[in-house]
Amino acid sequence: MAKDPVCGMDVEEKGAAHLLHFEHETLYFCSKQCKEAYAQPSTMKKATRKKGFFARFLEKLAKDNNETFGGTPPKCH
């Protein structure tokens, strides 16, 4: 059994009428409406991994730079 990623309903994989192949993965849906809802461009993103310490540090530096200099880097000359 697979879970519908939209509504969470259990879907029998064998003979499923509504499925979608996405990034080397097969997703099963209970209905055409759930499949269409998932296939919207805003939801067709693979879940991102949790960011590590270094990535969070760089994001903080970029945010601080944006707040301090208004999005432009400081001029050295």
N, C-alpha and C. Protein backbone atom coordinates (compact mmCIF):
# COMPACT_ATOMS: atom_id res chain seq x y z
N MET A 1 0.84 -1.18 0.00
CA MET A 1 0.00 0.00 0.00
C MET A 1 0.88 1.25 0.00
N ALA A 2 0.43 2.23 -0.72
CA ALA A 2 1.12 3.52 -0.77
C ALA A 2 0.17 4.59 -0.24
N LYS A 3 0.73 5.69 0.20
CA LYS A 3 -0.08 6.81 0.69
C LYS A 3 -0.19 7.88 -0.38
N ASP A 4 -1.38 8.39 -0.56
CA ASP A 4 -1.61 9.51 -1.46
C ASP A 4 -0.94 10.73 -0.83
N PRO A 5 0.01 11.39 -1.54
CA PRO A 5 0.72 12.52 -0.94
C PRO A 5 -0.15 13.76 -0.72
N VAL A 6 -1.35 13.80 -1.30
CA VAL A 6 -2.22 14.96 -1.14
C VAL A 6 -3.15 14.78 0.06
N CYS A 7 -3.90 13.68 0.07
CA CYS A 7 -4.92 13.50 1.12
C CYS A 7 -4.53 12.47 2.17
N GLY A 8 -3.48 11.67 1.92
CA GLY A 8 -3.02 10.71 2.91
C GLY A 8 -3.76 9.38 2.87
N MET A 9 -4.65 9.21 1.92
CA MET A 9 -5.41 7.97 1.81
C MET A 9 -4.51 6.83 1.34
N ASP A 10 -4.76 5.61 1.82
CA ASP A 10 -4.00 4.45 1.37
C ASP A 10 -4.48 4.06 -0.03
N VAL A 11 -3.52 3.79 -0.91
CA VAL A 11 -3.82 3.44 -2.30
C VAL A 11 -3.13 2.12 -2.63
N GLU A 12 -3.88 1.20 -3.21
CA GLU A 12 -3.31 -0.08 -3.64
C GLU A 12 -2.43 0.18 -4.86
N GLU A 13 -1.16 -0.20 -4.79
CA GLU A 13 -0.21 0.06 -5.87
C GLU A 13 -0.52 -0.77 -7.11
N LYS A 14 -0.92 -2.00 -6.91
CA LYS A 14 -1.18 -2.89 -8.05
C LYS A 14 -2.48 -2.45 -8.74
N GLY A 15 -2.36 -2.10 -10.01
CA GLY A 15 -3.52 -1.71 -10.79
C GLY A 15 -4.02 -0.30 -10.50
N ALA A 16 -3.17 0.54 -9.91
CA ALA A 16 -3.58 1.91 -9.60
C ALA A 16 -3.84 2.68 -10.90
N ALA A 17 -4.95 3.41 -10.93
CA ALA A 17 -5.33 4.15 -12.14
C ALA A 17 -4.65 5.51 -12.20
N HIS A 18 -4.32 6.07 -11.04
CA HIS A 18 -3.76 7.42 -11.00
C HIS A 18 -2.39 7.37 -10.35
N LEU A 19 -1.36 7.51 -11.19
CA LEU A 19 0.00 7.52 -10.67
C LEU A 19 0.83 8.52 -11.46
N LEU A 20 1.95 8.89 -10.86
CA LEU A 20 2.81 9.90 -11.46
C LEU A 20 4.25 9.51 -11.17
N HIS A 21 5.07 9.52 -12.22
CA HIS A 21 6.50 9.25 -12.05
C HIS A 21 7.20 10.59 -11.92
N PHE A 22 7.93 10.76 -10.80
CA PHE A 22 8.58 12.03 -10.51
C PHE A 22 9.92 11.78 -9.85
N GLU A 23 11.00 12.20 -10.52
CA GLU A 23 12.37 12.07 -10.01
C GLU A 23 12.67 10.66 -9.50
N HIS A 24 12.56 9.68 -10.36
CA HIS A 24 12.88 8.27 -10.06
C HIS A 24 12.00 7.71 -8.94
N GLU A 25 10.81 8.23 -8.81
CA GLU A 25 9.90 7.79 -7.77
C GLU A 25 8.50 7.73 -8.37
N THR A 26 7.72 6.74 -7.98
CA THR A 26 6.35 6.64 -8.45
C THR A 26 5.43 7.02 -7.30
N LEU A 27 4.55 7.98 -7.57
CA LEU A 27 3.58 8.44 -6.58
C LEU A 27 2.20 7.93 -6.98
N TYR A 28 1.43 7.47 -6.00
CA TYR A 28 0.11 6.92 -6.25
C TYR A 28 -0.94 7.84 -5.65
N PHE A 29 -2.05 8.01 -6.38
CA PHE A 29 -3.11 8.92 -5.96
C PHE A 29 -4.44 8.17 -5.93
N CYS A 30 -5.33 8.61 -5.04
CA CYS A 30 -6.63 7.97 -4.91
C CYS A 30 -7.60 8.42 -6.00
N SER A 31 -7.38 9.61 -6.56
CA SER A 31 -8.31 10.14 -7.56
C SER A 31 -7.57 11.06 -8.54
N LYS A 32 -8.26 11.38 -9.61
CA LYS A 32 -7.72 12.29 -10.61
C LYS A 32 -7.52 13.69 -10.01
N GLN A 33 -8.45 14.10 -9.13
CA GLN A 33 -8.37 15.42 -8.51
C GLN A 33 -7.11 15.55 -7.64
N CYS A 34 -6.78 14.52 -6.88
CA CYS A 34 -5.57 14.55 -6.05
C CYS A 34 -4.32 14.60 -6.93
N LYS A 35 -4.33 13.85 -8.02
CA LYS A 35 -3.18 13.85 -8.92
C LYS A 35 -2.99 15.22 -9.54
N GLU A 36 -4.07 15.85 -10.00
CA GLU A 36 -3.99 17.18 -10.60
C GLU A 36 -3.57 18.23 -9.58
N ALA A 37 -4.05 18.10 -8.34
CA ALA A 37 -3.65 19.05 -7.29
C ALA A 37 -2.16 18.95 -7.01
N TYR A 38 -1.63 17.73 -7.02
CA TYR A 38 -0.20 17.54 -6.76
C TYR A 38 0.65 18.02 -7.93
N ALA A 39 0.13 17.89 -9.14
CA ALA A 39 0.89 18.20 -10.35
C ALA A 39 1.00 19.70 -10.62
N GLN A 40 0.44 20.54 -9.77
CA GLN A 40 0.57 21.99 -9.93
C GLN A 40 2.05 22.35 -9.79
N PRO A 41 2.55 23.34 -10.56
CA PRO A 41 3.97 23.70 -10.53
C PRO A 41 4.49 24.03 -9.13
N SER A 42 3.68 24.60 -8.28
CA SER A 42 4.15 24.98 -6.95
C SER A 42 4.38 23.78 -6.05
N THR A 43 3.75 22.64 -6.33
CA THR A 43 3.92 21.46 -5.48
C THR A 43 4.88 20.44 -6.07
N MET A 44 5.35 20.62 -7.29
CA MET A 44 6.21 19.64 -7.93
C MET A 44 7.68 19.84 -7.55
N LYS A 45 7.92 20.02 -6.30
CA LYS A 45 9.29 20.18 -5.82
C LYS A 45 9.61 19.03 -4.88
N LYS A 46 10.77 18.52 -5.01
CA LYS A 46 11.22 17.48 -4.11
C LYS A 46 11.47 18.11 -2.74
N ALA A 47 11.13 17.41 -1.70
CA ALA A 47 11.36 17.93 -0.36
C ALA A 47 12.85 18.18 -0.16
N THR A 48 13.16 19.33 0.36
CA THR A 48 14.56 19.68 0.53
C THR A 48 15.09 19.09 1.84
N ARG A 49 16.36 18.81 1.83
CA ARG A 49 16.99 18.29 3.04
C ARG A 49 17.19 19.42 4.02
N LYS A 50 17.33 19.04 5.28
CA LYS A 50 17.60 20.02 6.32
C LYS A 50 18.96 20.64 6.06
N LYS A 51 19.05 21.95 6.22
CA LYS A 51 20.29 22.65 5.94
C LYS A 51 21.28 22.43 7.08
N GLY A 52 22.53 22.30 6.69
CA GLY A 52 23.58 22.11 7.66
C GLY A 52 24.03 23.43 8.26
N PHE A 53 24.97 23.35 9.18
CA PHE A 53 25.46 24.52 9.89
C PHE A 53 26.04 25.56 8.93
N PHE A 54 26.86 25.10 7.98
CA PHE A 54 27.53 26.03 7.07
C PHE A 54 26.52 26.76 6.18
N ALA A 55 25.51 26.05 5.69
CA ALA A 55 24.49 26.68 4.84
C ALA A 55 23.70 27.72 5.64
N ARG A 56 23.37 27.39 6.89
CA ARG A 56 22.65 28.36 7.74
C ARG A 56 23.52 29.58 8.02
N PHE A 57 24.83 29.36 8.23
CA PHE A 57 25.76 30.45 8.49
C PHE A 57 25.83 31.40 7.29
N LEU A 58 25.94 30.83 6.09
CA LEU A 58 26.00 31.66 4.88
C LEU A 58 24.70 32.42 4.65
N GLU A 59 23.57 31.80 4.93
CA GLU A 59 22.29 32.50 4.79
C GLU A 59 22.20 33.67 5.77
N LYS A 60 22.71 33.47 6.98
CA LYS A 60 22.70 34.55 7.97
C LYS A 60 23.60 35.70 7.51
N LEU A 61 24.78 35.38 6.97
CA LEU A 61 25.67 36.42 6.46
C LEU A 61 24.99 37.21 5.34
N ALA A 62 24.33 36.50 4.43
CA ALA A 62 23.65 37.17 3.32
C ALA A 62 22.52 38.06 3.83
N LYS A 63 21.78 37.57 4.82
CA LYS A 63 20.68 38.36 5.39
C LYS A 63 21.23 39.61 6.08
N ASP A 64 22.30 39.44 6.87
CA ASP A 64 22.92 40.59 7.54
C ASP A 64 23.44 41.60 6.54
N ASN A 65 24.05 41.13 5.45
CA ASN A 65 24.56 42.00 4.41
C ASN A 65 23.42 42.78 3.77
N ASN A 66 22.33 42.10 3.52
CA ASN A 66 21.17 42.74 2.90
C ASN A 66 20.60 43.83 3.82
N GLU A 67 20.53 43.54 5.11
CA GLU A 67 20.00 44.53 6.05
C GLU A 67 20.95 45.73 6.21
N THR A 68 22.25 45.47 6.20
CA THR A 68 23.23 46.52 6.42
C THR A 68 23.45 47.38 5.18
N PHE A 69 23.59 46.75 4.03
CA PHE A 69 23.97 47.47 2.82
C PHE A 69 22.84 47.55 1.78
N GLY A 70 21.65 47.11 2.13
CA GLY A 70 20.52 47.20 1.22
C GLY A 70 20.64 46.28 0.03
N GLY A 71 21.28 45.13 0.16
CA GLY A 71 21.36 44.17 -0.91
C GLY A 71 22.55 44.36 -1.84
N THR A 72 23.29 45.44 -1.71
CA THR A 72 24.48 45.62 -2.53
C THR A 72 25.71 45.40 -1.66
N PRO A 73 26.72 44.78 -2.20
CA PRO A 73 27.92 44.53 -1.39
C PRO A 73 28.64 45.83 -1.07
N PRO A 74 29.37 45.88 0.02
CA PRO A 74 30.12 47.09 0.37
C PRO A 74 31.22 47.35 -0.66
N LYS A 75 31.47 48.61 -0.92
CA LYS A 75 32.52 48.99 -1.90
C LYS A 75 33.84 49.09 -1.17
N CYS A 76 34.88 48.52 -1.76
CA CYS A 76 36.18 48.56 -1.14
C CYS A 76 37.05 49.65 -1.74
N HIS A 77 36.63 50.28 -2.81
CA HIS A 77 37.43 51.34 -3.45
C HIS A 77 36.64 52.62 -3.52
